């Protein structure tokens, strides 16, 4: 499903797997944006000490773990995008 070059999409309809991927990516982009907005709002309105004090400790720890995993995945995607860009030079 991985095209070597974006021009491979020109002149042909997307396959169902590609349509699903694009739809999933759009949902992901919206959810990441929602999380970013919410986190920024919490930072603006509340002191971090209060957030830690009032948070459910186990849930906060799990949230931090999930965000760490996402961060590492995004770093990997960024590195892959940079490699592809260098190859196409």
PDB file of N, CA and C in Angstrom:
ATOM      1  N   UNK A   1       0.806  -1.198   0.000  1.00  0.00           N
ATOM      2  CA  UNK A   1       0.000   0.000   0.000  1.00  0.00           C
ATOM      3  C   UNK A   1       0.849   1.262   0.000  1.00  0.00           C
ATOM      4  N   UNK A   2       2.147   1.155   0.164  1.00  0.00           N
ATOM      5  CA  UNK A   2       3.006   2.323   0.227  1.00  0.00           C
ATOM      6  C   UNK A   2       3.490   2.698  -1.162  1.00  0.00           C
ATOM      7  N   UNK A   3       3.041   3.833  -1.677  1.00  0.00           N
ATOM      8  CA  UNK A   3       3.546   4.263  -2.982  1.00  0.00           C
ATOM      9  C   UNK A   3       4.957   4.812  -2.842  1.00  0.00           C
ATOM     10  N   UNK A   4       5.750   4.674  -3.901  1.00  0.00           N
ATOM     11  CA  UNK A   4       7.110   5.207  -3.876  1.00  0.00           C
ATOM     12  C   UNK A   4       7.117   6.720  -4.025  1.00  0.00           C
ATOM     13  N   UNK A   5       6.098   7.235  -4.625  1.00  0.00           N
ATOM     14  CA  UNK A   5       6.041   8.669  -4.876  1.00  0.00           C
ATOM     15  C   UNK A   5       4.577   9.111  -4.880  1.00  0.00           C
ATOM     16  N   UNK A   6       4.271  10.303  -4.362  1.00  0.00           N
ATOM     17  CA  UNK A   6       2.877  10.754  -4.322  1.00  0.00           C
ATOM     18  C   UNK A   6       2.217  10.825  -5.694  1.00  0.00           C
ATOM     19  N   UNK A   7       3.018  10.976  -6.756  1.00  0.00           N
ATOM     20  CA  UNK A   7       2.450  11.039  -8.099  1.00  0.00           C
ATOM     21  C   UNK A   7       1.737   9.748  -8.481  1.00  0.00           C
ATOM     22  N   UNK A   8       2.005   8.656  -7.752  1.00  0.00           N
ATOM     23  CA  UNK A   8       1.340   7.391  -8.047  1.00  0.00           C
ATOM     24  C   UNK A   8      -0.164   7.477  -7.797  1.00  0.00           C
ATOM     25  N   UNK A   9      -0.604   8.486  -7.035  1.00  0.00           N
ATOM     26  CA  UNK A   9      -2.035   8.661  -6.778  1.00  0.00           C
ATOM     27  C   UNK A   9      -2.721   9.375  -7.937  1.00  0.00           C
ATOM     28  N   UNK A  10      -1.958  10.077  -8.745  1.00  0.00           N
ATOM     29  CA  UNK A  10      -2.524  10.857  -9.834  1.00  0.00           C
ATOM     30  C   UNK A  10      -3.113   9.927 -10.885  1.00  0.00           C
ATOM     31  N   UNK A  11      -4.347  10.189 -11.245  1.00  0.00           N
ATOM     32  CA  UNK A  11      -4.967   9.453 -12.335  1.00  0.00           C
ATOM     33  C   UNK A  11      -5.612   8.139 -11.956  1.00  0.00           C
ATOM     34  N   UNK A  12      -5.605   7.804 -10.679  1.00  0.00           N
ATOM     35  CA  UNK A  12      -6.290   6.574 -10.282  1.00  0.00           C
ATOM     36  C   UNK A  12      -7.053   6.825  -8.990  1.00  0.00           C
ATOM     37  N   UNK A  13      -8.173   6.152  -8.861  1.00  0.00           N
ATOM     38  CA  UNK A  13      -8.912   6.291  -7.594  1.00  0.00           C
ATOM     39  C   UNK A  13      -8.171   5.573  -6.465  1.00  0.00           C
ATOM     40  N   UNK A  14      -8.391   6.040  -5.255  1.00  0.00           N
ATOM     41  CA  UNK A  14      -7.785   5.374  -4.099  1.00  0.00           C
ATOM     42  C   UNK A  14      -8.450   4.025  -3.871  1.00  0.00           C
ATOM     43  N   UNK A  15      -7.644   3.059  -3.451  1.00  0.00           N
ATOM     44  CA  UNK A  15      -8.194   1.754  -3.071  1.00  0.00           C
ATOM     45  C   UNK A  15      -8.884   1.901  -1.715  1.00  0.00           C
ATOM     46  N   UNK A  16      -9.735   0.960  -1.378  1.00  0.00           N
ATOM     47  CA  UNK A  16     -10.506   1.041  -0.143  1.00  0.00           C
ATOM     48  C   UNK A  16      -9.595   1.133   1.080  1.00  0.00           C
ATOM     49  N   UNK A  17      -8.470   0.418   1.068  1.00  0.00           N
ATOM     50  CA  UNK A  17      -7.535   0.476   2.196  1.00  0.00           C
ATOM     51  C   UNK A  17      -6.958   1.872   2.347  1.00  0.00           C
ATOM     52  N   UNK A  18      -6.700   2.525   1.229  1.00  0.00           N
ATOM     53  CA  UNK A  18      -6.154   3.885   1.257  1.00  0.00           C
ATOM     54  C   UNK A  18      -7.195   4.876   1.764  1.00  0.00           C
ATOM     55  N   UNK A  19      -8.436   4.695   1.348  1.00  0.00           N
ATOM     56  CA  UNK A  19      -9.523   5.564   1.825  1.00  0.00           C
ATOM     57  C   UNK A  19      -9.682   5.416   3.336  1.00  0.00           C
ATOM     58  N   UNK A  20      -9.633   4.187   3.810  1.00  0.00           N
ATOM     59  CA  UNK A  20      -9.747   3.947   5.255  1.00  0.00           C
ATOM     60  C   UNK A  20      -8.590   4.595   6.009  1.00  0.00           C
ATOM     61  N   UNK A  21      -7.384   4.471   5.467  1.00  0.00           N
ATOM     62  CA  UNK A  21      -6.220   5.082   6.107  1.00  0.00           C
ATOM     63  C   UNK A  21      -6.375   6.599   6.181  1.00  0.00           C
ATOM     64  N   UNK A  22      -6.784   7.216   5.088  1.00  0.00           N
ATOM     65  CA  UNK A  22      -6.973   8.668   5.075  1.00  0.00           C
ATOM     66  C   UNK A  22      -8.029   9.071   6.099  1.00  0.00           C
ATOM     67  N   UNK A  23      -9.114   8.322   6.178  1.00  0.00           N
ATOM     68  CA  UNK A  23     -10.166   8.621   7.159  1.00  0.00           C
ATOM     69  C   UNK A  23      -9.640   8.483   8.585  1.00  0.00           C
ATOM     70  N   UNK A  24      -8.899   7.412   8.842  1.00  0.00           N
ATOM     71  CA  UNK A  24      -8.325   7.207  10.177  1.00  0.00           C
ATOM     72  C   UNK A  24      -7.345   8.321  10.533  1.00  0.00           C
ATOM     73  N   UNK A  25      -6.548   8.747   9.570  1.00  0.00           N
ATOM     74  CA  UNK A  25      -5.599   9.831   9.824  1.00  0.00           C
ATOM     75  C   UNK A  25      -6.313  11.132  10.145  1.00  0.00           C
ATOM     76  N   UNK A  26      -7.407  11.404   9.460  1.00  0.00           N
ATOM     77  CA  UNK A  26      -8.169  12.631   9.753  1.00  0.00           C
ATOM     78  C   UNK A  26      -8.744  12.590  11.160  1.00  0.00           C
ATOM     79  N   UNK A  27      -9.233  11.440  11.593  1.00  0.00           N
ATOM     80  CA  UNK A  27      -9.734  11.296  12.959  1.00  0.00           C
ATOM     81  C   UNK A  27      -8.587  11.505  13.950  1.00  0.00           C
ATOM     82  N   UNK A  28      -7.441  10.892  13.668  1.00  0.00           N
ATOM     83  CA  UNK A  28      -6.290  11.050  14.553  1.00  0.00           C
ATOM     84  C   UNK A  28      -5.878  12.515  14.663  1.00  0.00           C
ATOM     85  N   UNK A  29      -5.809  13.222  13.533  1.00  0.00           N
ATOM     86  CA  UNK A  29      -5.421  14.632  13.557  1.00  0.00           C
ATOM     87  C   UNK A  29      -6.380  15.444  14.432  1.00  0.00           C
ATOM     88  N   UNK A  30      -7.657  15.164  14.311  1.00  0.00           N
ATOM     89  CA  UNK A  30      -8.654  15.892  15.110  1.00  0.00           C
ATOM     90  C   UNK A  30      -8.497  15.584  16.598  1.00  0.00           C
ATOM     91  N   UNK A  31      -8.260  14.330  16.929  1.00  0.00           N
ATOM     92  CA  UNK A  31      -8.111  13.939  18.339  1.00  0.00           C
ATOM     93  C   UNK A  31      -6.833  14.518  18.946  1.00  0.00           C
ATOM     94  N   UNK A  32      -5.750  14.526  18.173  1.00  0.00           N
ATOM     95  CA  UNK A  32      -4.502  15.122  18.666  1.00  0.00           C
ATOM     96  C   UNK A  32      -4.717  16.614  18.909  1.00  0.00           C
ATOM     97  N   UNK A  33      -5.408  17.266  17.995  1.00  0.00           N
ATOM     98  CA  UNK A  33      -5.707  18.688  18.170  1.00  0.00           C
ATOM     99  C   UNK A  33      -6.561  18.915  19.414  1.00  0.00           C
ATOM    100  N   UNK A  34      -7.568  18.074  19.616  1.00  0.00           N
ATOM    101  CA  UNK A  34      -8.415  18.183  20.815  1.00  0.00           C
ATOM    102  C   UNK A  34      -7.591  18.028  22.092  1.00  0.00           C
ATOM    103  N   UNK A  35      -6.717  17.042  22.118  1.00  0.00           N
ATOM    104  CA  UNK A  35      -5.874  16.821  23.295  1.00  0.00           C
ATOM    105  C   UNK A  35      -4.959  18.019  23.540  1.00  0.00           C
ATOM    106  N   UNK A  36      -4.382  18.546  22.481  1.00  0.00           N
ATOM    107  CA  UNK A  36      -3.500  19.706  22.608  1.00  0.00           C
ATOM    108  C   UNK A  36      -4.251  20.914  23.167  1.00  0.00           C
ATOM    109  N   UNK A  37      -5.440  21.180  22.647  1.00  0.00           N
ATOM    110  CA  UNK A  37      -6.258  22.300  23.122  1.00  0.00           C
ATOM    111  C   UNK A  37      -6.610  22.119  24.596  1.00  0.00           C
ATOM    112  N   UNK A  38      -7.042  20.930  24.967  1.00  0.00           N
ATOM    113  CA  UNK A  38      -7.424  20.662  26.355  1.00  0.00           C
ATOM    114  C   UNK A  38      -6.237  20.816  27.302  1.00  0.00           C
ATOM    115  N   UNK A  39      -5.090  20.271  26.915  1.00  0.00           N
ATOM    116  CA  UNK A  39      -3.902  20.379  27.768  1.00  0.00           C
ATOM    117  C   UNK A  39      -3.463  21.833  27.918  1.00  0.00           C
ATOM    118  N   UNK A  40      -3.487  22.579  26.828  1.00  0.00           N
ATOM    119  CA  UNK A  40      -3.128  23.998  26.895  1.00  0.00           C
ATOM    120  C   UNK A  40      -4.080  24.763  27.810  1.00  0.00           C
ATOM    121  N   UNK A  41      -5.362  24.450  27.713  1.00  0.00           N
ATOM    122  CA  UNK A  41      -6.372  25.125  28.549  1.00  0.00           C
ATOM    123  C   UNK A  41      -6.131  24.805  30.024  1.00  0.00           C
ATOM    124  N   UNK A  42      -5.860  23.553  30.339  1.00  0.00           N
ATOM    125  CA  UNK A  42      -5.543  23.179  31.722  1.00  0.00           C
ATOM    126  C   UNK A  42      -4.310  23.932  32.223  1.00  0.00           C
ATOM    127  N   UNK A  43      -3.303  24.059  31.374  1.00  0.00           N
ATOM    128  CA  UNK A  43      -2.083  24.772  31.748  1.00  0.00           C
ATOM    129  C   UNK A  43      -2.369  26.246  32.032  1.00  0.00           C
ATOM    130  N   UNK A  44      -3.250  26.838  31.234  1.00  0.00           N
ATOM    131  CA  UNK A  44      -3.590  28.255  31.413  1.00  0.00           C
ATOM    132  C   UNK A  44      -4.404  28.496  32.678  1.00  0.00           C
ATOM    133  N   UNK A  45      -5.291  27.566  33.004  1.00  0.00           N
ATOM    134  CA  UNK A  45      -6.244  27.793  34.095  1.00  0.00           C
ATOM    135  C   UNK A  45      -5.799  27.282  35.455  1.00  0.00           C
ATOM    136  N   UNK A  46      -4.912  26.298  35.465  1.00  0.00           N
ATOM    137  CA  UNK A  46      -4.597  25.634  36.730  1.00  0.00           C
ATOM    138  C   UNK A  46      -3.098  25.481  36.931  1.00  0.00           C
ATOM    139  N   UNK A  47      -2.695  25.563  38.157  1.00  0.00           N
ATOM    140  CA  UNK A  47      -1.311  25.331  38.537  1.00  0.00           C
ATOM    141  C   UNK A  47      -1.015  23.833  38.410  1.00  0.00           C
ATOM    142  N   UNK A  48       0.173  23.507  37.923  1.00  0.00           N
ATOM    143  CA  UNK A  48       0.526  22.096  37.734  1.00  0.00           C
ATOM    144  C   UNK A  48       0.512  21.330  39.055  1.00  0.00           C
ATOM    145  N   UNK A  49       0.874  21.989  40.144  1.00  0.00           N
ATOM    146  CA  UNK A  49       0.837  21.334  41.449  1.00  0.00           C
ATOM    147  C   UNK A  49      -0.589  20.929  41.799  1.00  0.00           C
ATOM    148  N   UNK A  50      -1.551  21.805  41.501  1.00  0.00           N
ATOM    149  CA  UNK A  50      -2.957  21.474  41.754  1.00  0.00           C
ATOM    150  C   UNK A  50      -3.424  20.322  40.876  1.00  0.00           C
ATOM    151  N   UNK A  51      -2.990  20.324  39.622  1.00  0.00           N
ATOM    152  CA  UNK A  51      -3.383  19.240  38.711  1.00  0.00           C
ATOM    153  C   UNK A  51      -2.893  17.905  39.264  1.00  0.00           C
ATOM    154  N   UNK A  52      -1.641  17.852  39.695  1.00  0.00           N
ATOM    155  CA  UNK A  52      -1.081  16.617  40.245  1.00  0.00           C
ATOM    156  C   UNK A  52      -1.776  16.247  41.549  1.00  0.00           C
ATOM    157  N   UNK A  53      -2.073  17.238  42.378  1.00  0.00           N
ATOM    158  CA  UNK A  53      -2.712  16.989  43.673  1.00  0.00           C
ATOM    159  C   UNK A  53      -4.106  16.400  43.509  1.00  0.00           C
ATOM    160  N   UNK A  54      -4.889  16.958  42.586  1.00  0.00           N
ATOM    161  CA  UNK A  54      -6.290  16.551  42.451  1.00  0.00           C
ATOM    162  C   UNK A  54      -6.509  15.420  41.454  1.00  0.00           C
ATOM    163  N   UNK A  55      -5.521  15.102  40.673  1.00  0.00           N
ATOM    164  CA  UNK A  55      -5.675  14.039  39.668  1.00  0.00           C
ATOM    165  C   UNK A  55      -5.717  12.674  40.343  1.00  0.00           C
ATOM    166  N   UNK A  56      -6.425  11.764  39.707  1.00  0.00           N
ATOM    167  CA  UNK A  56      -6.366  10.360  40.100  1.00  0.00           C
ATOM    168  C   UNK A  56      -4.968   9.887  39.701  1.00  0.00           C
ATOM    169  N   UNK A  57      -4.148   9.561  40.676  1.00  0.00           N
ATOM    170  CA  UNK A  57      -2.726   9.278  40.434  1.00  0.00           C
ATOM    171  C   UNK A  57      -2.516   8.144  39.432  1.00  0.00           C
ATOM    172  N   UNK A  58      -3.280   7.083  39.578  1.00  0.00           N
ATOM    173  CA  UNK A  58      -3.111   5.936  38.663  1.00  0.00           C
ATOM    174  C   UNK A  58      -3.508   6.317  37.240  1.00  0.00           C
ATOM    175  N   UNK A  59      -4.599   7.049  37.102  1.00  0.00           N
ATOM    176  CA  UNK A  59      -5.057   7.456  35.770  1.00  0.00           C
ATOM    177  C   UNK A  59      -4.070   8.440  35.154  1.00  0.00           C
ATOM    178  N   UNK A  60      -3.569   9.383  35.949  1.00  0.00           N
ATOM    179  CA  UNK A  60      -2.590  10.338  35.441  1.00  0.00           C
ATOM    180  C   UNK A  60      -1.323   9.622  34.981  1.00  0.00           C
ATOM    181  N   UNK A  61      -0.864   8.654  35.749  1.00  0.00           N
ATOM    182  CA  UNK A  61       0.325   7.893  35.366  1.00  0.00           C
ATOM    183  C   UNK A  61       0.089   7.152  34.050  1.00  0.00           C
ATOM    184  N   UNK A  62      -1.083   6.569  33.890  1.00  0.00           N
ATOM    185  CA  UNK A  62      -1.416   5.858  32.647  1.00  0.00           C
ATOM    186  C   UNK A  62      -1.511   6.839  31.476  1.00  0.00           C
ATOM    187  N   UNK A  63      -2.105   8.000  31.712  1.00  0.00           N
ATOM    188  CA  UNK A  63      -2.180   9.025  30.661  1.00  0.00           C
ATOM    189  C   UNK A  63      -0.783   9.444  30.210  1.00  0.00           C
ATOM    190  N   UNK A  64       0.101   9.662  31.176  1.00  0.00           N
ATOM    191  CA  UNK A  64       1.472  10.061  30.855  1.00  0.00           C
ATOM    192  C   UNK A  64       2.157   8.962  30.050  1.00  0.00           C
ATOM    193  N   UNK A  65       1.957   7.717  30.430  1.00  0.00           N
ATOM    194  CA  UNK A  65       2.542   6.586  29.693  1.00  0.00           C
ATOM    195  C   UNK A  65       2.018   6.553  28.251  1.00  0.00           C
ATOM    196  N   UNK A  66       0.719   6.743  28.079  1.00  0.00           N
ATOM    197  CA  UNK A  66       0.135   6.728  26.734  1.00  0.00           C
ATOM    198  C   UNK A  66       0.701   7.854  25.869  1.00  0.00           C
ATOM    199  N   UNK A  67       0.819   9.035  26.460  1.00  0.00           N
ATOM    200  CA  UNK A  67       1.350  10.176  25.705  1.00  0.00           C
ATOM    201  C   UNK A  67       2.824   9.939  25.363  1.00  0.00           C
ATOM    202  N   UNK A  68       3.576   9.347  26.277  1.00  0.00           N
ATOM    203  CA  UNK A  68       4.974   9.001  25.986  1.00  0.00           C
ATOM    204  C   UNK A  68       5.062   8.056  24.793  1.00  0.00           C
ATOM    205  N   UNK A  69       4.200   7.046  24.764  1.00  0.00           N
ATOM    206  CA  UNK A  69       4.193   6.104  23.633  1.00  0.00           C
ATOM    207  C   UNK A  69       3.861   6.820  22.325  1.00  0.00           C
ATOM    208  N   UNK A  70       2.867   7.691  22.375  1.00  0.00           N
ATOM    209  CA  UNK A  70       2.497   8.452  21.179  1.00  0.00           C
ATOM    210  C   UNK A  70       3.645   9.342  20.717  1.00  0.00           C
ATOM    211  N   UNK A  71       4.294   9.997  21.669  1.00  0.00           N
ATOM    212  CA  UNK A  71       5.417  10.870  21.332  1.00  0.00           C
ATOM    213  C   UNK A  71       6.504  10.089  20.599  1.00  0.00           C
ATOM    214  N   UNK A  72       6.856   8.935  21.117  1.00  0.00           N
ATOM    215  CA  UNK A  72       7.895   8.127  20.481  1.00  0.00           C
ATOM    216  C   UNK A  72       7.486   7.689  19.076  1.00  0.00           C
ATOM    217  N   UNK A  73       6.210   7.372  18.900  1.00  0.00           N
ATOM    218  CA  UNK A  73       5.714   6.980  17.576  1.00  0.00           C
ATOM    219  C   UNK A  73       5.785   8.165  16.612  1.00  0.00           C
ATOM    220  N   UNK A  74       5.399   9.354  17.080  1.00  0.00           N
ATOM    221  CA  UNK A  74       5.466  10.536  16.226  1.00  0.00           C
ATOM    222  C   UNK A  74       6.913  10.875  15.864  1.00  0.00           C
ATOM    223  N   UNK A  75       7.839  10.699  16.786  1.00  0.00           N
ATOM    224  CA  UNK A  75       9.256  10.922  16.486  1.00  0.00           C
ATOM    225  C   UNK A  75       9.703   9.956  15.386  1.00  0.00           C
ATOM    226  N   UNK A  76       9.294   8.704  15.496  1.00  0.00           N
ATOM    227  CA  UNK A  76       9.637   7.709  14.468  1.00  0.00           C
ATOM    228  C   UNK A  76       9.073   8.118  13.105  1.00  0.00           C
ATOM    229  N   UNK A  77       7.813   8.560  13.082  1.00  0.00           N
ATOM    230  CA  UNK A  77       7.203   9.006  11.825  1.00  0.00           C
ATOM    231  C   UNK A  77       7.934  10.213  11.253  1.00  0.00           C
ATOM    232  N   UNK A  78       8.325  11.138  12.123  1.00  0.00           N
ATOM    233  CA  UNK A  78       9.067  12.319  11.681  1.00  0.00           C
ATOM    234  C   UNK A  78      10.393  11.910  11.052  1.00  0.00           C
ATOM    235  N   UNK A  79      11.100  10.983  11.681  1.00  0.00           N
ATOM    236  CA  UNK A  79      12.380  10.510  11.145  1.00  0.00           C
ATOM    237  C   UNK A  79      12.182   9.832   9.791  1.00  0.00           C
ATOM    238  N   UNK A  80      11.118   9.041   9.668  1.00  0.00           N
ATOM    239  CA  UNK A  80      10.840   8.373   8.391  1.00  0.00           C
ATOM    240  C   UNK A  80      10.537   9.400   7.307  1.00  0.00           C
ATOM    241  N   UNK A  81       9.760  10.419   7.644  1.00  0.00           N
ATOM    242  CA  UNK A  81       9.426  11.469   6.672  1.00  0.00           C
ATOM    243  C   UNK A  81      10.681  12.207   6.222  1.00  0.00           C
ATOM    244  N   UNK A  82      11.579  12.464   7.160  1.00  0.00           N
ATOM    245  CA  UNK A  82      12.834  13.143   6.813  1.00  0.00           C
ATOM    246  C   UNK A  82      13.702  12.272   5.915  1.00  0.00           C
ATOM    247  N   UNK A  83      13.736  10.959   6.181  1.00  0.00           N
ATOM    248  CA  UNK A  83      14.503  10.038   5.329  1.00  0.00           C
ATOM    249  C   UNK A  83      13.949  10.036   3.912  1.00  0.00           C
ATOM    250  N   UNK A  84      12.643   9.959   3.782  1.00  0.00           N
ATOM    251  CA  UNK A  84      12.006   9.945   2.469  1.00  0.00           C
ATOM    252  C   UNK A  84      12.296  11.246   1.739  1.00  0.00           C
ATOM    253  N   UNK A  85      12.234  12.360   2.454  1.00  0.00           N
ATOM    254  CA  UNK A  85      12.503  13.667   1.844  1.00  0.00           C
ATOM    255  C   UNK A  85      13.941  13.748   1.343  1.00  0.00           C
ATOM    256  N   UNK A  86      14.891  13.228   2.131  1.00  0.00           N
ATOM    257  CA  UNK A  86      16.300  13.239   1.709  1.00  0.00           C
ATOM    258  C   UNK A  86      16.515  12.366   0.477  1.00  0.00           C
ATOM    259  N   UNK A  87      15.828  11.198   0.418  1.00  0.00           N
ATOM    260  CA  UNK A  87      15.982  10.313  -0.740  1.00  0.00           C
ATOM    261  C   UNK A  87      15.499  10.979  -2.024  1.00  0.00           C
ATOM    262  N   UNK A  88      14.419  11.747  -1.895  1.00  0.00           N
ATOM    263  CA  UNK A  88      13.854  12.400  -3.076  1.00  0.00           C
ATOM    264  C   UNK A  88      14.617  13.660  -3.439  1.00  0.00           C
ATOM    265  N   UNK A  89      15.374  14.147  -2.462  1.00  0.00           N
ATOM    266  CA  UNK A  89      16.267  15.280  -2.577  1.00  0.00           C
ATOM    267  C   UNK A  89      15.854  16.393  -3.377  1.00  0.00           C
TER     268      UNK A  89
END
